[in-house]
């Protein structure tokens, strides 16, 4: 979601956005198998009121934010090194559910986890778009 007040794109470019996850009433069939869930938000930031950079798609920097959905897991606020300083840890064999959202107005999010094969991928969160054994 994002704000609806003009100038909308400038507000999005400066962090006025978020994620709403709508789960099935009785949850997903795999909920009991999931050890950790995270929401990752990627967006670019622009210097406040720098309309030249904004209109030309030149971000000041690209950031990740994370929101843990289970107690004890880390929450971060957007920063260029937030996941380096507060990584999303997982133990070997744990099932991790990631919700990935690109909310910046100009940059494409090419999310990639080095050396990882995902068991299940649902493009755009749609259960009808189920892929298995995917790499990013």
C-alpha atoms as a PDB file:
ATOM      1  CA  UNK A   1       0.000   0.000   0.000  1.00  0.00           C
ATOM      2  CA  UNK A   2       1.011   3.616  -0.289  1.00  0.00           C
ATOM      3  CA  UNK A   3      -0.389   7.005   0.521  1.00  0.00           C
ATOM      4  CA  UNK A   4      -2.804   8.713  -1.842  1.00  0.00           C
ATOM      5  CA  UNK A   5      -1.850  12.335  -1.263  1.00  0.00           C
ATOM      6  CA  UNK A   6      -0.185  14.308  -4.041  1.00  0.00           C
ATOM      7  CA  UNK A   7       2.603  13.939  -5.056  1.00  0.00           C
ATOM      8  CA  UNK A   8       2.098  10.171  -4.621  1.00  0.00           C
ATOM      9  CA  UNK A   9       5.293   9.082  -6.381  1.00  0.00           C
ATOM     10  CA  UNK A  10       7.401  11.452  -4.307  1.00  0.00           C
ATOM     11  CA  UNK A  11       5.847  10.082  -1.118  1.00  0.00           C
ATOM     12  CA  UNK A  12       6.508   6.494  -2.219  1.00  0.00           C
ATOM     13  CA  UNK A  13      10.075   7.468  -3.129  1.00  0.00           C
ATOM     14  CA  UNK A  14      10.547   8.738   0.424  1.00  0.00           C
ATOM     15  CA  UNK A  15       9.137   5.763   2.309  1.00  0.00           C
ATOM     16  CA  UNK A  16       5.376   6.259   2.651  1.00  0.00           C
ATOM     17  CA  UNK A  17       4.476   2.672   1.789  1.00  0.00           C
ATOM     18  CA  UNK A  18       4.054  -0.757   3.319  1.00  0.00           C
ATOM     19  CA  UNK A  19       2.762  -4.298   2.830  1.00  0.00           C
ATOM     20  CA  UNK A  20      -0.559  -5.903   3.693  1.00  0.00           C
ATOM     21  CA  UNK A  21      -0.632  -9.707   3.648  1.00  0.00           C
ATOM     22  CA  UNK A  22      -4.042 -11.308   3.291  1.00  0.00           C
ATOM     23  CA  UNK A  23      -3.885 -14.981   4.216  1.00  0.00           C
ATOM     24  CA  UNK A  24      -6.640 -17.555   3.742  1.00  0.00           C
ATOM     25  CA  UNK A  25      -9.091 -17.673   6.670  1.00  0.00           C
ATOM     26  CA  UNK A  26      -7.718 -21.017   7.868  1.00  0.00           C
ATOM     27  CA  UNK A  27      -4.117 -20.243   6.910  1.00  0.00           C
ATOM     28  CA  UNK A  28      -1.980 -21.968   4.313  1.00  0.00           C
ATOM     29  CA  UNK A  29      -1.742 -25.774   4.335  1.00  0.00           C
ATOM     30  CA  UNK A  30       2.020 -25.477   4.968  1.00  0.00           C
ATOM     31  CA  UNK A  31       1.799 -23.040   7.913  1.00  0.00           C
ATOM     32  CA  UNK A  32       2.803 -25.668  10.483  1.00  0.00           C
ATOM     33  CA  UNK A  33       5.926 -26.507   8.438  1.00  0.00           C
ATOM     34  CA  UNK A  34       7.212 -22.909   8.380  1.00  0.00           C
ATOM     35  CA  UNK A  35       9.807 -22.027  11.025  1.00  0.00           C
ATOM     36  CA  UNK A  36      10.241 -18.335  10.153  1.00  0.00           C
ATOM     37  CA  UNK A  37       8.421 -15.775   8.039  1.00  0.00           C
ATOM     38  CA  UNK A  38       9.783 -12.456   6.833  1.00  0.00           C
ATOM     39  CA  UNK A  39       8.482  -9.584   4.776  1.00  0.00           C
ATOM     40  CA  UNK A  40      11.198  -7.964   2.656  1.00  0.00           C
ATOM     41  CA  UNK A  41      10.559  -4.568   1.133  1.00  0.00           C
ATOM     42  CA  UNK A  42      12.964  -3.201  -1.451  1.00  0.00           C
ATOM     43  CA  UNK A  43      12.779   0.394  -2.521  1.00  0.00           C
ATOM     44  CA  UNK A  44      14.962   3.244  -3.573  1.00  0.00           C
ATOM     45  CA  UNK A  45      15.258   6.513  -1.687  1.00  0.00           C
ATOM     46  CA  UNK A  46      15.710   9.963  -3.156  1.00  0.00           C
ATOM     47  CA  UNK A  47      17.031  13.112  -1.544  1.00  0.00           C
ATOM     48  CA  UNK A  48      14.071  15.108  -0.313  1.00  0.00           C
ATOM     49  CA  UNK A  49      12.730  17.461  -2.986  1.00  0.00           C
ATOM     50  CA  UNK A  50      15.401  16.433  -5.521  1.00  0.00           C
ATOM     51  CA  UNK A  51      12.930  16.317  -8.407  1.00  0.00           C
ATOM     52  CA  UNK A  52      15.671  16.131 -11.055  1.00  0.00           C
ATOM     53  CA  UNK A  53      17.039  12.828  -9.700  1.00  0.00           C
ATOM     54  CA  UNK A  54      13.535  11.538  -9.026  1.00  0.00           C
ATOM     55  CA  UNK A  55      12.212  12.308 -12.517  1.00  0.00           C
ATOM     56  CA  UNK A  56      15.305  10.784 -14.114  1.00  0.00           C
ATOM     57  CA  UNK A  57      15.202   7.645 -11.944  1.00  0.00           C
ATOM     58  CA  UNK A  58      18.518   8.293 -10.190  1.00  0.00           C
ATOM     59  CA  UNK A  59      18.061   7.109  -6.599  1.00  0.00           C
ATOM     60  CA  UNK A  60      20.243   8.283  -3.752  1.00  0.00           C
ATOM     61  CA  UNK A  61      20.413   4.636  -2.646  1.00  0.00           C
ATOM     62  CA  UNK A  62      18.457   1.363  -2.685  1.00  0.00           C
ATOM     63  CA  UNK A  63      17.383  -0.127   0.639  1.00  0.00           C
ATOM     64  CA  UNK A  64      15.815  -3.244   2.125  1.00  0.00           C
ATOM     65  CA  UNK A  65      13.528  -3.280   5.139  1.00  0.00           C
ATOM     66  CA  UNK A  66      12.323  -6.408   6.885  1.00  0.00           C
ATOM     67  CA  UNK A  67       9.415  -7.225   9.143  1.00  0.00           C
ATOM     68  CA  UNK A  68       9.457 -10.433  11.148  1.00  0.00           C
ATOM     69  CA  UNK A  69       6.147 -12.211  11.476  1.00  0.00           C
ATOM     70  CA  UNK A  70       7.147 -14.413  14.412  1.00  0.00           C
ATOM     71  CA  UNK A  71       8.295 -13.304  17.888  1.00  0.00           C
ATOM     72  CA  UNK A  72      12.043 -13.073  18.381  1.00  0.00           C
ATOM     73  CA  UNK A  73      12.950 -12.558  14.717  1.00  0.00           C
ATOM     74  CA  UNK A  74      14.525  -9.206  13.786  1.00  0.00           C
ATOM     75  CA  UNK A  75      12.713  -6.164  12.449  1.00  0.00           C
ATOM     76  CA  UNK A  76      14.690  -3.559  10.555  1.00  0.00           C
ATOM     77  CA  UNK A  77      14.030  -0.171   9.123  1.00  0.00           C
ATOM     78  CA  UNK A  78      15.185   0.773   5.642  1.00  0.00           C
ATOM     79  CA  UNK A  79      18.907   1.371   5.421  1.00  0.00           C
ATOM     80  CA  UNK A  80      21.527   0.585   2.816  1.00  0.00           C
ATOM     81  CA  UNK A  81      23.252  -1.991   5.046  1.00  0.00           C
ATOM     82  CA  UNK A  82      20.372  -3.129   7.242  1.00  0.00           C
ATOM     83  CA  UNK A  83      20.516  -6.803   6.233  1.00  0.00           C
ATOM     84  CA  UNK A  84      24.300  -6.857   6.497  1.00  0.00           C
ATOM     85  CA  UNK A  85      24.179  -5.592  10.068  1.00  0.00           C
ATOM     86  CA  UNK A  86      21.023  -7.516  11.065  1.00  0.00           C
ATOM     87  CA  UNK A  87      20.877 -10.550   8.746  1.00  0.00           C
ATOM     88  CA  UNK A  88      17.831 -12.766   8.525  1.00  0.00           C
ATOM     89  CA  UNK A  89      19.288 -15.935   9.994  1.00  0.00           C
ATOM     90  CA  UNK A  90      18.066 -19.469   9.442  1.00  0.00           C
ATOM     91  CA  UNK A  91      19.321 -22.836  10.575  1.00  0.00           C
ATOM     92  CA  UNK A  92      20.006 -25.643   8.130  1.00  0.00           C
ATOM     93  CA  UNK A  93      16.769 -27.489   7.448  1.00  0.00           C
ATOM     94  CA  UNK A  94      14.436 -24.697   8.592  1.00  0.00           C
ATOM     95  CA  UNK A  95      11.575 -23.713   6.312  1.00  0.00           C
ATOM     96  CA  UNK A  96      11.510 -19.976   5.663  1.00  0.00           C
ATOM     97  CA  UNK A  97       8.610 -18.120   4.078  1.00  0.00           C
ATOM     98  CA  UNK A  98       9.529 -14.838   2.386  1.00  0.00           C
ATOM     99  CA  UNK A  99       7.120 -12.198   1.177  1.00  0.00           C
ATOM    100  CA  UNK A 100       9.053  -9.937  -1.195  1.00  0.00           C
ATOM    101  CA  UNK A 101       7.727  -6.569  -2.282  1.00  0.00           C
ATOM    102  CA  UNK A 102       9.292  -3.960  -4.557  1.00  0.00           C
ATOM    103  CA  UNK A 103       7.666  -0.622  -3.795  1.00  0.00           C
ATOM    104  CA  UNK A 104      10.056   1.908  -5.291  1.00  0.00           C
ATOM    105  CA  UNK A 105       8.699   4.020  -8.138  1.00  0.00           C
ATOM    106  CA  UNK A 106      11.585   3.523 -10.605  1.00  0.00           C
ATOM    107  CA  UNK A 107      13.907   0.609  -9.849  1.00  0.00           C
ATOM    108  CA  UNK A 108      13.263  -3.053 -10.672  1.00  0.00           C
ATOM    109  CA  UNK A 109      13.794  -5.538  -7.844  1.00  0.00           C
ATOM    110  CA  UNK A 110      15.871  -8.497  -9.005  1.00  0.00           C
ATOM    111  CA  UNK A 111      15.749 -10.416  -5.728  1.00  0.00           C
ATOM    112  CA  UNK A 112      18.410 -13.117  -5.496  1.00  0.00           C
ATOM    113  CA  UNK A 113      19.687 -15.426  -2.772  1.00  0.00           C
ATOM    114  CA  UNK A 114      23.121 -16.756  -3.742  1.00  0.00           C
ATOM    115  CA  UNK A 115      23.360 -20.550  -3.926  1.00  0.00           C
ATOM    116  CA  UNK A 116      19.739 -21.201  -2.991  1.00  0.00           C
ATOM    117  CA  UNK A 117      17.039 -23.278  -4.629  1.00  0.00           C
ATOM    118  CA  UNK A 118      13.534 -22.479  -3.423  1.00  0.00           C
ATOM    119  CA  UNK A 119      11.257 -25.483  -2.827  1.00  0.00           C
ATOM    120  CA  UNK A 120       8.108 -23.525  -3.653  1.00  0.00           C
ATOM    121  CA  UNK A 121       7.599 -20.162  -5.354  1.00  0.00           C
ATOM    122  CA  UNK A 122       4.246 -18.436  -5.806  1.00  0.00           C
ATOM    123  CA  UNK A 123       4.612 -15.648  -8.357  1.00  0.00           C
ATOM    124  CA  UNK A 124       2.776 -12.538  -7.192  1.00  0.00           C
ATOM    125  CA  UNK A 125       1.594 -14.528  -4.148  1.00  0.00           C
ATOM    126  CA  UNK A 126      -0.991 -16.319  -6.276  1.00  0.00           C
ATOM    127  CA  UNK A 127      -1.534 -20.013  -5.354  1.00  0.00           C
ATOM    128  CA  UNK A 128      -2.307 -20.686  -9.032  1.00  0.00           C
ATOM    129  CA  UNK A 129       1.222 -19.549  -9.970  1.00  0.00           C
ATOM    130  CA  UNK A 130       3.022 -22.340  -8.101  1.00  0.00           C
ATOM    131  CA  UNK A 131       6.544 -23.185  -9.247  1.00  0.00           C
ATOM    132  CA  UNK A 132       8.916 -25.673  -7.604  1.00  0.00           C
ATOM    133  CA  UNK A 133      12.694 -26.018  -7.457  1.00  0.00           C
ATOM    134  CA  UNK A 134      13.319 -22.448  -8.592  1.00  0.00           C
ATOM    135  CA  UNK A 135      16.415 -20.302  -8.405  1.00  0.00           C
ATOM    136  CA  UNK A 136      16.267 -16.540  -8.485  1.00  0.00           C
END
